Amino acid sequence: ALTLVLASLIPFAIPIGIYLIMGVRGKDLLRK
């Protein structure tokens, strides 16, 4: 059950990770 919950959170974690790691370039990528 925990693996299911964690899988459901990954689609949130990916944009947040891009935002934190890539900075301005990440914001541009997310907008696209």
Full PDB file with SEQRES, HELIX, SHEET, SSBOND, CRYST1, ORIGX, SCALE, CONECT and MASTER records, all heavy atoms in Angstrom:
SEQRES   1 A   32  ALA LEU THR LEU VAL LEU ALA SER LEU ILE PRO PHE ALA          
SEQRES   2 A   32  ILE PRO ILE GLY ILE TYR LEU ILE MET GLY VAL ARG GLY          
SEQRES   3 A   32  LYS ASP LEU LEU ARG LYS                                      
HELIX    1 AA1 LEU A    2  ARG A   31  1                                  30    
CRYST1    1.000    1.000    1.000  90.00  90.00  90.00 P 1           1          
ORIGX1      1.000000  0.000000  0.000000        0.00000                         
ORIGX2      0.000000  1.000000  0.000000        0.00000                         
ORIGX3      0.000000  0.000000  1.000000        0.00000                         
SCALE1      1.000000  0.000000  0.000000        0.00000                         
SCALE2      0.000000  1.000000  0.000000        0.00000                         
SCALE3      0.000000  0.000000  1.000000        0.00000                         
ATOM      1  N   ALA A   1       0.829  -1.204   0.000  1.00  0.00           N  
ATOM      2  CA  ALA A   1       0.000   0.000   0.000  1.00  0.00           C  
ATOM      3  C   ALA A   1       0.864   1.255   0.000  1.00  0.00           C  
ATOM      4  O   ALA A   1       0.542   2.247  -0.668  1.00  0.00           O  
ATOM      5  CB  ALA A   1      -0.919  -0.008   1.220  1.00  0.00           C  
ATOM      6  N   LEU A   2       1.975   1.212   0.730  1.00  0.00           N  
ATOM      7  CA  LEU A   2       2.868   2.365   0.778  1.00  0.00           C  
ATOM      8  C   LEU A   2       3.467   2.650  -0.595  1.00  0.00           C  
ATOM      9  O   LEU A   2       3.621   3.818  -0.981  1.00  0.00           O  
ATOM     10  CB  LEU A   2       3.981   2.122   1.798  1.00  0.00           C  
ATOM     11  CG  LEU A   2       4.974   3.276   1.993  1.00  0.00           C  
ATOM     12  CD1 LEU A   2       4.260   4.530   2.467  1.00  0.00           C  
ATOM     13  CD2 LEU A   2       6.056   2.869   2.996  1.00  0.00           C  
ATOM     14  N   THR A   3       3.786   1.606  -1.348  1.00  0.00           N  
ATOM     15  CA  THR A   3       4.331   1.819  -2.697  1.00  0.00           C  
ATOM     16  C   THR A   3       3.308   2.529  -3.588  1.00  0.00           C  
ATOM     17  O   THR A   3       3.677   3.337  -4.443  1.00  0.00           O  
ATOM     18  CB  THR A   3       4.758   0.501  -3.363  1.00  0.00           C  
ATOM     19  OG1 THR A   3       3.616  -0.341  -3.587  1.00  0.00           O  
ATOM     20  CG2 THR A   3       5.780  -0.239  -2.514  1.00  0.00           C  
ATOM     21  N   LEU A   4       2.026   2.224  -3.396  1.00  0.00           N  
ATOM     22  CA  LEU A   4       0.990   2.895  -4.178  1.00  0.00           C  
ATOM     23  C   LEU A   4       0.921   4.377  -3.833  1.00  0.00           C  
ATOM     24  O   LEU A   4       0.817   5.239  -4.717  1.00  0.00           O  
ATOM     25  CB  LEU A   4      -0.371   2.232  -3.923  1.00  0.00           C  
ATOM     26  CG  LEU A   4      -0.551   0.805  -4.434  1.00  0.00           C  
ATOM     27  CD1 LEU A   4      -1.894   0.245  -3.964  1.00  0.00           C  
ATOM     28  CD2 LEU A   4      -0.472   0.747  -5.956  1.00  0.00           C  
ATOM     29  N   VAL A   5       0.966   4.680  -2.528  1.00  0.00           N  
ATOM     30  CA  VAL A   5       0.912   6.082  -2.096  1.00  0.00           C  
ATOM     31  C   VAL A   5       2.123   6.846  -2.622  1.00  0.00           C  
ATOM     32  O   VAL A   5       1.997   7.973  -3.118  1.00  0.00           O  
ATOM     33  CB  VAL A   5       0.831   6.171  -0.561  1.00  0.00           C  
ATOM     34  CG1 VAL A   5       0.880   7.629  -0.106  1.00  0.00           C  
ATOM     35  CG2 VAL A   5      -0.450   5.517  -0.045  1.00  0.00           C  
ATOM     36  N   LEU A   6       3.299   6.243  -2.528  1.00  0.00           N  
ATOM     37  CA  LEU A   6       4.510   6.906  -3.008  1.00  0.00           C  
ATOM     38  C   LEU A   6       4.459   7.125  -4.517  1.00  0.00           C  
ATOM     39  O   LEU A   6       4.875   8.181  -5.018  1.00  0.00           O  
ATOM     40  CB  LEU A   6       5.743   6.078  -2.636  1.00  0.00           C  
ATOM     41  CG  LEU A   6       6.070   6.011  -1.141  1.00  0.00           C  
ATOM     42  CD1 LEU A   6       7.252   5.076  -0.898  1.00  0.00           C  
ATOM     43  CD2 LEU A   6       6.359   7.394  -0.583  1.00  0.00           C  
ATOM     44  N   ALA A   7       3.940   6.147  -5.250  1.00  0.00           N  
ATOM     45  CA  ALA A   7       3.808   6.301  -6.701  1.00  0.00           C  
ATOM     46  C   ALA A   7       2.901   7.474  -7.040  1.00  0.00           C  
ATOM     47  O   ALA A   7       3.138   8.205  -8.012  1.00  0.00           O  
ATOM     48  CB  ALA A   7       3.272   5.013  -7.319  1.00  0.00           C  
ATOM     49  N   SER A   8       1.858   7.682  -6.235  1.00  0.00           N  
ATOM     50  CA  SER A   8       0.924   8.780  -6.502  1.00  0.00           C  
ATOM     51  C   SER A   8       1.554  10.144  -6.265  1.00  0.00           C  
ATOM     52  O   SER A   8       1.051  11.163  -6.769  1.00  0.00           O  
ATOM     53  CB  SER A   8      -0.330   8.630  -5.626  1.00  0.00           C  
ATOM     54  OG  SER A   8      -0.052   8.972  -4.269  1.00  0.00           O  
ATOM     55  N   LEU A   9       2.653  10.199  -5.502  1.00  0.00           N  
ATOM     56  CA  LEU A   9       3.297  11.479  -5.192  1.00  0.00           C  
ATOM     57  C   LEU A   9       4.385  11.865  -6.189  1.00  0.00           C  
ATOM     58  O   LEU A   9       4.805  13.026  -6.242  1.00  0.00           O  
ATOM     59  CB  LEU A   9       3.900  11.419  -3.780  1.00  0.00           C  
ATOM     60  CG  LEU A   9       2.893  11.305  -2.637  1.00  0.00           C  
ATOM     61  CD1 LEU A   9       3.622  11.193  -1.302  1.00  0.00           C  
ATOM     62  CD2 LEU A   9       1.940  12.489  -2.615  1.00  0.00           C  
ATOM     63  N   ILE A  10       4.856  10.913  -6.974  1.00  0.00           N  
ATOM     64  CA  ILE A  10       5.945  11.198  -7.912  1.00  0.00           C  
ATOM     65  C   ILE A  10       5.566  12.259  -8.950  1.00  0.00           C  
ATOM     66  O   ILE A  10       6.394  13.125  -9.284  1.00  0.00           O  
ATOM     67  CB  ILE A  10       6.420   9.894  -8.586  1.00  0.00           C  
ATOM     68  CG1 ILE A  10       7.131   9.017  -7.548  1.00  0.00           C  
ATOM     69  CG2 ILE A  10       7.355  10.191  -9.757  1.00  0.00           C  
ATOM     70  CD1 ILE A  10       7.577   7.671  -8.076  1.00  0.00           C  
ATOM     71  N   PRO A  11       4.326  12.268  -9.495  1.00  0.00           N  
ATOM     72  CA  PRO A  11       3.982  13.328 -10.464  1.00  0.00           C  
ATOM     73  C   PRO A  11       4.049  14.735  -9.873  1.00  0.00           C  
ATOM     74  O   PRO A  11       4.189  15.705 -10.612  1.00  0.00           O  
ATOM     75  CB  PRO A  11       2.545  12.984 -10.876  1.00  0.00           C  
ATOM     76  CG  PRO A  11       2.397  11.540 -10.576  1.00  0.00           C  
ATOM     77  CD  PRO A  11       3.232  11.294  -9.361  1.00  0.00           C  
ATOM     78  N   PHE A  12       3.947  14.865  -8.552  1.00  0.00           N  
ATOM     79  CA  PHE A  12       4.120  16.163  -7.897  1.00  0.00           C  
ATOM     80  C   PHE A  12       5.608  16.458  -7.692  1.00  0.00           C  
ATOM     81  O   PHE A  12       6.054  17.591  -7.837  1.00  0.00           O  
ATOM     82  CB  PHE A  12       3.425  16.166  -6.533  1.00  0.00           C  
ATOM     83  CG  PHE A  12       1.965  15.868  -6.568  1.00  0.00           C  
ATOM     84  CD1 PHE A  12       1.498  14.573  -6.415  1.00  0.00           C  
ATOM     85  CD2 PHE A  12       1.032  16.882  -6.754  1.00  0.00           C  
ATOM     86  CE1 PHE A  12       0.145  14.291  -6.444  1.00  0.00           C  
ATOM     87  CE2 PHE A  12      -0.323  16.614  -6.783  1.00  0.00           C  
ATOM     88  CZ  PHE A  12      -0.770  15.311  -6.634  1.00  0.00           C  
ATOM     89  N   ALA A  13       6.362  15.415  -7.335  1.00  0.00           N  
ATOM     90  CA  ALA A  13       7.773  15.598  -6.999  1.00  0.00           C  
ATOM     91  C   ALA A  13       8.609  16.001  -8.209  1.00  0.00           C  
ATOM     92  O   ALA A  13       9.574  16.768  -8.068  1.00  0.00           O  
ATOM     93  CB  ALA A  13       8.333  14.312  -6.386  1.00  0.00           C  
ATOM     94  N   ILE A  14       8.257  15.509  -9.399  1.00  0.00           N  
ATOM     95  CA  ILE A  14       9.063  15.805 -10.590  1.00  0.00           C  
ATOM     96  C   ILE A  14       9.052  17.305 -10.924  1.00  0.00           C  
ATOM     97  O   ILE A  14      10.129  17.912 -11.090  1.00  0.00           O  
ATOM     98  CB  ILE A  14       8.601  14.956 -11.784  1.00  0.00           C  
ATOM     99  CG1 ILE A  14       8.951  13.480 -11.528  1.00  0.00           C  
ATOM    100  CG2 ILE A  14       9.252  15.444 -13.077  1.00  0.00           C  
ATOM    101  CD1 ILE A  14       8.451  12.535 -12.601  1.00  0.00           C  
ATOM    102  N   PRO A  15       7.881  17.968 -11.029  1.00  0.00           N  
ATOM    103  CA  PRO A  15       7.919  19.419 -11.299  1.00  0.00           C  
ATOM    104  C   PRO A  15       8.610  20.206 -10.186  1.00  0.00           C  
ATOM    105  O   PRO A  15       9.340  21.163 -10.468  1.00  0.00           O  
ATOM    106  CB  PRO A  15       6.434  19.800 -11.405  1.00  0.00           C  
ATOM    107  CG  PRO A  15       5.734  18.535 -11.737  1.00  0.00           C  
ATOM    108  CD  PRO A  15       6.498  17.458 -11.040  1.00  0.00           C  
ATOM    109  N   ILE A  16       8.394  19.813  -8.934  1.00  0.00           N  
ATOM    110  CA  ILE A  16       9.048  20.508  -7.824  1.00  0.00           C  
ATOM    111  C   ILE A  16      10.564  20.341  -7.918  1.00  0.00           C  
ATOM    112  O   ILE A  16      11.324  21.294  -7.694  1.00  0.00           O  
ATOM    113  CB  ILE A  16       8.520  19.978  -6.475  1.00  0.00           C  
ATOM    114  CG1 ILE A  16       7.048  20.372  -6.295  1.00  0.00           C  
ATOM    115  CG2 ILE A  16       9.346  20.532  -5.318  1.00  0.00           C  
ATOM    116  CD1 ILE A  16       6.389  19.784  -5.055  1.00  0.00           C  
ATOM    117  N   GLY A  17      11.017  19.136  -8.264  1.00  0.00           N  
ATOM    118  CA  GLY A  17      12.443  18.903  -8.424  1.00  0.00           C  
ATOM    119  C   GLY A  17      13.043  19.728  -9.546  1.00  0.00           C  
ATOM    120  O   GLY A  17      14.141  20.296  -9.404  1.00  0.00           O  
ATOM    121  N   ILE A  18      12.332  19.811 -10.665  1.00  0.00           N  
ATOM    122  CA  ILE A  18      12.803  20.633 -11.791  1.00  0.00           C  
ATOM    123  C   ILE A  18      12.897  22.095 -11.368  1.00  0.00           C  
ATOM    124  O   ILE A  18      13.864  22.801 -11.677  1.00  0.00           O  
ATOM    125  CB  ILE A  18      11.862  20.472 -13.004  1.00  0.00           C  
ATOM    126  CG1 ILE A  18      11.971  19.055 -13.575  1.00  0.00           C  
ATOM    127  CG2 ILE A  18      12.175  21.517 -14.079  1.00  0.00           C  
ATOM    128  CD1 ILE A  18      10.975  18.745 -14.666  1.00  0.00           C  
ATOM    129  N   TYR A  19      11.900  22.564 -10.635  1.00  0.00           N  
ATOM    130  CA  TYR A  19      11.862  23.945 -10.150  1.00  0.00           C  
ATOM    131  C   TYR A  19      13.059  24.232  -9.248  1.00  0.00           C  
ATOM    132  O   TYR A  19      13.697  25.293  -9.349  1.00  0.00           O  
ATOM    133  CB  TYR A  19      10.559  24.166  -9.394  1.00  0.00           C  
ATOM    134  CG  TYR A  19      10.386  25.535  -8.791  1.00  0.00           C  
ATOM    135  CD1 TYR A  19       9.810  26.569  -9.519  1.00  0.00           C  
ATOM    136  CD2 TYR A  19      10.776  25.794  -7.470  1.00  0.00           C  
ATOM    137  CE1 TYR A  19       9.631  27.828  -8.960  1.00  0.00           C  
ATOM    138  CE2 TYR A  19      10.613  27.042  -6.905  1.00  0.00           C  
ATOM    139  CZ  TYR A  19      10.039  28.059  -7.651  1.00  0.00           C  
ATOM    140  OH  TYR A  19       9.874  29.303  -7.103  1.00  0.00           O  
ATOM    141  N   LEU A  20      13.399  23.301  -8.366  1.00  0.00           N  
ATOM    142  CA  LEU A  20      14.486  23.512  -7.409  1.00  0.00           C  
ATOM    143  C   LEU A  20      15.863  23.386  -8.050  1.00  0.00           C  
ATOM    144  O   LEU A  20      16.778  24.149  -7.738  1.00  0.00           O  
ATOM    145  CB  LEU A  20      14.369  22.506  -6.262  1.00  0.00           C  
ATOM    146  CG  LEU A  20      13.205  22.706  -5.284  1.00  0.00           C  
ATOM    147  CD1 LEU A  20      13.114  21.528  -4.318  1.00  0.00           C  
ATOM    148  CD2 LEU A  20      13.373  24.011  -4.519  1.00  0.00           C  
ATOM    149  N   ILE A  21      16.010  22.421  -8.949  1.00  0.00           N  
ATOM    150  CA  ILE A  21      17.328  22.099  -9.490  1.00  0.00           C  
ATOM    151  C   ILE A  21      17.724  23.001 -10.654  1.00  0.00           C  
ATOM    152  O   ILE A  21      18.872  23.451 -10.757  1.00  0.00           O  
ATOM    153  CB  ILE A  21      17.386  20.624  -9.923  1.00  0.00           C  
ATOM    154  CG1 ILE A  21      17.228  19.720  -8.696  1.00  0.00           C  
ATOM    155  CG2 ILE A  21      18.691  20.313 -10.646  1.00  0.00           C  
ATOM    156  CD1 ILE A  21      17.034  18.252  -9.038  1.00  0.00           C  
ATOM    157  N   MET A  22      16.771  23.295 -11.528  1.00  0.00           N  
ATOM    158  CA  MET A  22      17.118  23.986 -12.783  1.00  0.00           C  
ATOM    159  C   MET A  22      16.940  25.504 -12.725  1.00  0.00           C  
ATOM    160  O   MET A  22      17.329  26.207 -13.662  1.00  0.00           O  
ATOM    161  CB  MET A  22      16.289  23.416 -13.931  1.00  0.00           C  
ATOM    162  CG  MET A  22      16.574  21.958 -14.228  1.00  0.00           C  
ATOM    163  SD  MET A  22      15.627  21.335 -15.653  1.00  0.00           S  
ATOM    164  CE  MET A  22      16.287  22.344 -16.982  1.00  0.00           C  
ATOM    165  N   GLY A  23      16.346  26.022 -11.686  1.00  0.00           N  
ATOM    166  CA  GLY A  23      16.220  27.470 -11.556  1.00  0.00           C  
ATOM    167  C   GLY A  23      15.370  28.084 -12.657  1.00  0.00           C  
ATOM    168  O   GLY A  23      14.280  27.600 -12.979  1.00  0.00           O  
ATOM    169  N   VAL A  24      15.881  29.175 -13.277  1.00  0.00           N  
ATOM    170  CA  VAL A  24      15.136  29.889 -14.314  1.00  0.00           C  
ATOM    171  C   VAL A  24      14.836  28.981 -15.494  1.00  0.00           C  
ATOM    172  O   VAL A  24      13.735  29.006 -16.057  1.00  0.00           O  
ATOM    173  CB  VAL A  24      15.932  31.132 -14.785  1.00  0.00           C  
ATOM    174  CG1 VAL A  24      15.211  31.800 -15.954  1.00  0.00           C  
ATOM    175  CG2 VAL A  24      16.100  32.119 -13.636  1.00  0.00           C  
ATOM    176  N   ARG A  25      15.821  28.176 -15.909  1.00  0.00           N  
ATOM    177  CA  ARG A  25      15.589  27.242 -17.024  1.00  0.00           C  
ATOM    178  C   ARG A  25      14.476  26.263 -16.692  1.00  0.00           C  
ATOM    179  O   ARG A  25      13.698  25.875 -17.557  1.00  0.00           O  
ATOM    180  CB  ARG A  25      16.876  26.492 -17.363  1.00  0.00           C  
ATOM    181  CG  ARG A  25      17.932  27.344 -18.036  1.00  0.00           C  
ATOM    182  CD  ARG A  25      19.082  26.492 -18.502  1.00  0.00           C  
ATOM    183  NE  ARG A  25      19.693  25.779 -17.392  1.00  0.00           N  
ATOM    184  CZ  ARG A  25      20.082  24.511 -17.427  1.00  0.00           C  
ATOM    185  NH1 ARG A  25      19.917  23.812 -18.533  1.00  0.00           N  
ATOM    186  NH2 ARG A  25      20.650  23.951 -16.380  1.00  0.00           N  
ATOM    187  N   GLY A  26      14.416  25.857 -15.427  1.00  0.00           N  
ATOM    188  CA  GLY A  26      13.359  24.950 -15.006  1.00  0.00           C  
ATOM    189  C   GLY A  26      11.988  25.599 -15.106  1.00  0.00           C  
ATOM    190  O   GLY A  26      11.025  24.960 -15.529  1.00  0.00           O  
ATOM    191  N   LYS A  27      11.891  26.877 -14.752  1.00  0.00           N  
ATOM    192  CA  LYS A  27      10.623  27.589 -14.854  1.00  0.00           C  
ATOM    193  C   LYS A  27      10.159  27.683 -16.305  1.00  0.00           C  
ATOM    194  O   LYS A  27       8.979  27.510 -16.609  1.00  0.00           O  
ATOM    195  CB  LYS A  27      10.748  28.986 -14.245  1.00  0.00           C  
ATOM    196  CG  LYS A  27      11.001  28.987 -12.746  1.00  0.00           C  
ATOM    197  CD  LYS A  27      11.151  30.414 -12.218  1.00  0.00           C  
ATOM    198  CE  LYS A  27      11.459  30.412 -10.729  1.00  0.00           C  
ATOM    199  NZ  LYS A  27      11.645  31.783 -10.195  1.00  0.00           N  
ATOM    200  N   ASP A  28      11.107  27.964 -17.194  1.00  0.00           N  
ATOM    201  CA  ASP A  28      10.772  28.035 -18.621  1.00  0.00           C  
ATOM    202  C   ASP A  28      10.295  26.677 -19.133  1.00  0.00           C  
ATOM    203  O   ASP A  28       9.323  26.585 -19.901  1.00  0.00           O  
ATOM    204  CB  ASP A  28      11.982  28.492 -19.437  1.00  0.00           C  
ATOM    205  CG  ASP A  28      12.351  29.943 -19.164  1.00  0.00           C  
ATOM    206  OD1 ASP A  28      11.469  30.694 -18.701  1.00  0.00           O  
ATOM    207  OD2 ASP A  28      13.514  30.303 -19.396  1.00  0.00           O  
ATOM    208  N   LEU A  29      10.977  25.615 -18.723  1.00  0.00           N  
ATOM    209  CA  LEU A  29      10.594  24.269 -19.142  1.00  0.00           C  
ATOM    210  C   LEU A  29       9.207  23.915 -18.628  1.00  0.00           C  
ATOM    211  O   LEU A  29       8.378  23.374 -19.375  1.00  0.00           O  
ATOM    212  CB  LEU A  29      11.619  23.257 -18.626  1.00  0.00           C  
ATOM    213  CG  LEU A  29      11.285  21.765 -18.865  1.00  0.00           C  
ATOM    214  CD1 LEU A  29      11.164  21.480 -20.363  1.00  0.00           C  
ATOM    215  CD2 LEU A  29      12.348  20.883 -18.220  1.00  0.00           C  
ATOM    216  N   LEU A  30       8.936  24.244 -17.373  1.00  0.00           N  
ATOM    217  CA  LEU A  30       7.630  23.940 -16.798  1.00  0.00           C  
ATOM    218  C   LEU A  30       6.516  24.710 -17.497  1.00  0.00           C  
ATOM    219  O   LEU A  30       5.416  24.183 -17.691  1.00  0.00           O  
ATOM    220  CB  LEU A  30       7.633  24.249 -15.296  1.00  0.00           C  
ATOM    221  CG  LEU A  30       8.499  23.322 -14.422  1.00  0.00           C  
ATOM    222  CD1 LEU A  30       8.520  23.817 -12.986  1.00  0.00           C  
ATOM    223  CD2 LEU A  30       7.989  21.883 -14.482  1.00  0.00           C  
ATOM    224  N   ARG A  31       6.792  25.954 -17.882  1.00  0.00           N  
ATOM    225  CA  ARG A  31       5.780  26.735 -18.607  1.00  0.00           C  
ATOM    226  C   ARG A  31       5.464  26.089 -19.960  1.00  0.00           C  
ATOM    227  O   ARG A  31       4.304  26.034 -20.381  1.00  0.00           O  
ATOM    228  CB  ARG A  31       6.258  28.177 -18.800  1.00  0.00           C  
ATOM    229  CG  ARG A  31       6.052  29.071 -17.596  1.00  0.00           C  
ATOM    230  CD  ARG A  31       6.228  30.528 -17.955  1.00  0.00           C  
ATOM    231  NE  ARG A  31       7.632  30.848 -18.249  1.00  0.00           N  
ATOM    232  CZ  ARG A  31       8.483  31.292 -17.342  1.00  0.00           C  
ATOM    233  NH1 ARG A  31       8.100  31.458 -16.086  1.00  0.00           N  
ATOM    234  NH2 ARG A  31       9.734  31.574 -17.684  1.00  0.00           N  
ATOM    235  N   LYS A  32       6.507  25.596 -20.640  1.00  0.00           N  
ATOM    236  CA  LYS A  32       6.288  24.943 -21.924  1.00  0.00           C  
ATOM    237  C   LYS A  32       5.497  23.649 -21.748  1.00  0.00           C  
ATOM    238  O   LYS A  32       4.596  23.353 -22.542  1.00  0.00           O  
ATOM    239  CB  LYS A  32       7.638  24.649 -22.588  1.00  0.00           C  
ATOM    240  CG  LYS A  32       8.381  25.900 -23.040  1.00  0.00           C  
ATOM    241  CD  LYS A  32       9.737  25.549 -23.639  1.00  0.00           C  
ATOM    242  CE  LYS A  32      10.486  26.801 -24.068  1.00  0.00           C  
ATOM    243  NZ  LYS A  32      11.841  26.495 -24.593  1.00  0.00           N  
TER     244      LYS A  32                                                      
MASTER        0    0    0    1    0    0    0    6  243    1    0    3          
END                                                                             
